[in-house]
Amino acid sequence: MHGLYCCAGDVTAFDRIKAADGTVAYEGLLSGSETGTQDSTTFGGTYGSQLLVLPPGRYTVTTWLATEDKGVSGPPYDACTTSIELDAGQAAQLDAEFPAGQACTAKPGPVPTPQY
């Protein structure tokens, strides 16, 4: 895929986090910067990333790609979904991969170390 500001057909990553009762806790652009080359791009997890503090519980996380221009996003594509259960005080990270010509996969990523 081509990252934001890289090439014609630029895309960015979005996500939606829903609680077990269906309440949407967050939906929008994945926070953080985009880094990479014309061959691969990493979204989020670096400069500008924002934490999302959630109460303990089970959540469904859907991640997708879409074009974005001045706050207006195009139709989503290559979406994938995973779930996560959070305990009080637990930190979590999810990784989604969008390999060219293959289905998106989402899975738990390395647990971040809190920075105080």
C-alpha atoms as a PDB file:
ATOM      1  CA  MET A   1       0.000   0.000   0.000  1.00  0.00           C
ATOM      2  CA  HIS A   2       1.061   3.573  -0.400  1.00  0.00           C
ATOM      3  CA  GLY A   3       1.150   5.813   2.631  1.00  0.00           C
ATOM      4  CA  LEU A   4      -0.310   9.235   3.126  1.00  0.00           C
ATOM      5  CA  TYR A   5       1.426  11.941   1.033  1.00  0.00           C
ATOM      6  CA  CYS A   6       3.514   9.291  -0.751  1.00  0.00           C
ATOM      7  CA  CYS A   7       1.980   8.692  -4.105  1.00  0.00           C
ATOM      8  CA  ALA A   8      -1.134   8.864  -6.235  1.00  0.00           C
ATOM      9  CA  GLY A   9      -3.897   6.983  -4.431  1.00  0.00           C
ATOM     10  CA  ASP A  10      -2.605   7.846  -0.946  1.00  0.00           C
ATOM     11  CA  VAL A  11      -4.450   6.163   1.915  1.00  0.00           C
ATOM     12  CA  THR A  12      -4.424   6.376   5.672  1.00  0.00           C
ATOM     13  CA  ALA A  13      -5.557   4.073   8.484  1.00  0.00           C
ATOM     14  CA  PHE A  14      -8.757   4.432  10.486  1.00  0.00           C
ATOM     15  CA  ASP A  15     -10.137   2.475  13.402  1.00  0.00           C
ATOM     16  CA  ARG A  16     -13.346   1.953  15.350  1.00  0.00           C
ATOM     17  CA  ILE A  17     -13.396   0.650  18.918  1.00  0.00           C
ATOM     18  CA  LYS A  18     -16.692  -0.703  20.222  1.00  0.00           C
ATOM     19  CA  ALA A  19     -17.525  -1.872  23.736  1.00  0.00           C
ATOM     20  CA  ALA A  20     -19.314  -5.196  24.269  1.00  0.00           C
ATOM     21  CA  ASP A  21     -22.661  -3.344  24.563  1.00  0.00           C
ATOM     22  CA  GLY A  22     -22.161  -1.819  21.084  1.00  0.00           C
ATOM     23  CA  THR A  23     -21.179   1.652  22.288  1.00  0.00           C
ATOM     24  CA  VAL A  24     -18.546   3.220  20.030  1.00  0.00           C
ATOM     25  CA  ALA A  25     -15.637   4.366  22.212  1.00  0.00           C
ATOM     26  CA  TYR A  26     -13.657   5.813  19.290  1.00  0.00           C
ATOM     27  CA  GLU A  27     -13.931   6.087  15.520  1.00  0.00           C
ATOM     28  CA  GLY A  28     -11.584   8.038  13.300  1.00  0.00           C
ATOM     29  CA  LEU A  29      -8.056   8.409  11.980  1.00  0.00           C
ATOM     30  CA  LEU A  30      -5.397   6.313  13.637  1.00  0.00           C
ATOM     31  CA  SER A  31      -3.357   8.834  15.602  1.00  0.00           C
ATOM     32  CA  GLY A  32       0.374   9.232  15.140  1.00  0.00           C
ATOM     33  CA  SER A  33       2.654   9.753  12.212  1.00  0.00           C
ATOM     34  CA  GLU A  34       3.133   7.831   8.984  1.00  0.00           C
ATOM     35  CA  THR A  35       6.592   6.501   8.181  1.00  0.00           C
ATOM     36  CA  GLY A  36       7.952   4.292   5.436  1.00  0.00           C
ATOM     37  CA  THR A  37       8.638   4.092   1.736  1.00  0.00           C
ATOM     38  CA  GLN A  38       6.650   3.518  -1.436  1.00  0.00           C
ATOM     39  CA  ASP A  39       6.778  -0.204  -0.596  1.00  0.00           C
ATOM     40  CA  SER A  40       5.360  -0.105   2.937  1.00  0.00           C
ATOM     41  CA  THR A  41       4.043   2.378   5.445  1.00  0.00           C
ATOM     42  CA  THR A  42       3.590   2.244   9.212  1.00  0.00           C
ATOM     43  CA  PHE A  43       0.735   4.280  10.681  1.00  0.00           C
ATOM     44  CA  GLY A  44       0.612   5.338  14.338  1.00  0.00           C
ATOM     45  CA  GLY A  45       2.647   4.224  17.307  1.00  0.00           C
ATOM     46  CA  THR A  46       5.212   7.001  16.947  1.00  0.00           C
ATOM     47  CA  TYR A  47       5.316  10.790  17.168  1.00  0.00           C
ATOM     48  CA  GLY A  48       1.842  12.221  17.687  1.00  0.00           C
ATOM     49  CA  SER A  49       0.228   8.986  18.846  1.00  0.00           C
ATOM     50  CA  GLN A  50      -2.518   9.452  21.386  1.00  0.00           C
ATOM     51  CA  LEU A  51      -3.492   7.020  24.112  1.00  0.00           C
ATOM     52  CA  LEU A  52      -7.070   5.922  24.454  1.00  0.00           C
ATOM     53  CA  VAL A  53      -8.034   5.218  28.056  1.00  0.00           C
ATOM     54  CA  LEU A  54     -10.876   2.720  28.339  1.00  0.00           C
ATOM     55  CA  PRO A  55     -12.630   1.116  31.296  1.00  0.00           C
ATOM     56  CA  PRO A  56     -12.025  -2.613  31.814  1.00  0.00           C
ATOM     57  CA  GLY A  57     -14.028  -4.795  29.456  1.00  0.00           C
ATOM     58  CA  ARG A  58     -14.173  -6.498  26.085  1.00  0.00           C
ATOM     59  CA  TYR A  59     -13.812  -4.425  22.913  1.00  0.00           C
ATOM     60  CA  THR A  60     -14.058  -5.048  19.184  1.00  0.00           C
ATOM     61  CA  VAL A  61     -11.521  -3.158  17.093  1.00  0.00           C
ATOM     62  CA  THR A  62     -12.042  -2.689  13.353  1.00  0.00           C
ATOM     63  CA  THR A  63      -9.237  -1.171  11.274  1.00  0.00           C
ATOM     64  CA  TRP A  64      -9.482  -0.136   7.623  1.00  0.00           C
ATOM     65  CA  LEU A  65      -7.805   1.951   4.966  1.00  0.00           C
ATOM     66  CA  ALA A  66      -9.346   4.887   3.122  1.00  0.00           C
ATOM     67  CA  THR A  67      -8.345   8.026   1.310  1.00  0.00           C
ATOM     68  CA  GLU A  68      -8.554  11.237   3.309  1.00  0.00           C
ATOM     69  CA  ASP A  69      -8.628  14.809   2.065  1.00  0.00           C
ATOM     70  CA  LYS A  70      -9.086  17.801   4.387  1.00  0.00           C
ATOM     71  CA  GLY A  71     -11.038  15.778   6.952  1.00  0.00           C
ATOM     72  CA  VAL A  72     -13.239  13.973   4.433  1.00  0.00           C
ATOM     73  CA  SER A  73     -12.601  10.243   4.132  1.00  0.00           C
ATOM     74  CA  GLY A  74     -13.357   8.073   1.146  1.00  0.00           C
ATOM     75  CA  PRO A  75     -15.037   4.678   1.333  1.00  0.00           C
ATOM     76  CA  PRO A  76     -13.328   2.129   3.591  1.00  0.00           C
ATOM     77  CA  TYR A  77     -11.633  -0.933   2.172  1.00  0.00           C
ATOM     78  CA  ASP A  78      -9.509  -3.845   3.405  1.00  0.00           C
ATOM     79  CA  ALA A  79     -11.158  -3.830   6.841  1.00  0.00           C
ATOM     80  CA  CYS A  80     -10.303  -6.402   9.493  1.00  0.00           C
ATOM     81  CA  THR A  81     -11.590  -6.910  13.007  1.00  0.00           C
ATOM     82  CA  THR A  82     -10.208  -8.352  16.220  1.00  0.00           C
ATOM     83  CA  SER A  83     -11.274  -8.295  19.853  1.00  0.00           C
ATOM     84  CA  ILE A  84      -9.436  -7.496  23.046  1.00  0.00           C
ATOM     85  CA  GLU A  85     -10.263  -7.838  26.726  1.00  0.00           C
ATOM     86  CA  LEU A  86      -8.792  -5.227  29.064  1.00  0.00           C
ATOM     87  CA  ASP A  87      -8.275  -5.503  32.807  1.00  0.00           C
ATOM     88  CA  ALA A  88      -7.936  -2.446  35.066  1.00  0.00           C
ATOM     89  CA  GLY A  89      -4.605  -0.709  34.434  1.00  0.00           C
ATOM     90  CA  GLN A  90      -3.683  -2.956  31.504  1.00  0.00           C
ATOM     91  CA  ALA A  91      -1.880  -1.503  28.485  1.00  0.00           C
ATOM     92  CA  ALA A  92      -2.492  -3.008  25.051  1.00  0.00           C
ATOM     93  CA  GLN A  93      -1.468  -2.512  21.451  1.00  0.00           C
ATOM     94  CA  LEU A  94      -2.932  -4.001  18.287  1.00  0.00           C
ATOM     95  CA  ASP A  95      -1.196  -4.475  14.954  1.00  0.00           C
ATOM     96  CA  ALA A  96      -3.042  -4.638  11.633  1.00  0.00           C
ATOM     97  CA  GLU A  97      -1.324  -5.651   8.415  1.00  0.00           C
ATOM     98  CA  PHE A  98      -2.622  -4.936   4.903  1.00  0.00           C
ATOM     99  CA  PRO A  99      -0.446  -6.998   2.525  1.00  0.00           C
ATOM    100  CA  ALA A 100      -0.988  -6.246  -1.165  1.00  0.00           C
ATOM    101  CA  GLY A 101      -3.503  -8.621  -2.737  1.00  0.00           C
ATOM    102  CA  GLN A 102      -4.259 -10.378   0.577  1.00  0.00           C
ATOM    103  CA  ALA A 103      -6.792 -10.021   3.361  1.00  0.00           C
ATOM    104  CA  CYS A 104      -6.051  -7.703   6.262  1.00  0.00           C
ATOM    105  CA  THR A 105      -5.104  -9.340   9.568  1.00  0.00           C
ATOM    106  CA  ALA A 106      -5.280  -7.831  13.052  1.00  0.00           C
ATOM    107  CA  LYS A 107      -3.658  -9.259  16.170  1.00  0.00           C
ATOM    108  CA  PRO A 108      -2.281  -8.180  19.548  1.00  0.00           C
ATOM    109  CA  GLY A 109       1.027  -6.349  19.237  1.00  0.00           C
ATOM    110  CA  PRO A 110       3.866  -5.834  21.695  1.00  0.00           C
ATOM    111  CA  VAL A 111       2.634  -4.303  24.949  1.00  0.00           C
ATOM    112  CA  PRO A 112       3.974  -0.749  25.202  1.00  0.00           C
ATOM    113  CA  THR A 113       6.068   0.322  28.175  1.00  0.00           C
ATOM    114  CA  PRO A 114       4.368   3.211  30.031  1.00  0.00           C
ATOM    115  CA  GLN A 115       6.299   6.489  29.801  1.00  0.00           C
ATOM    116  CA  TYR A 116       5.911   8.744  32.835  1.00  0.00           C
END
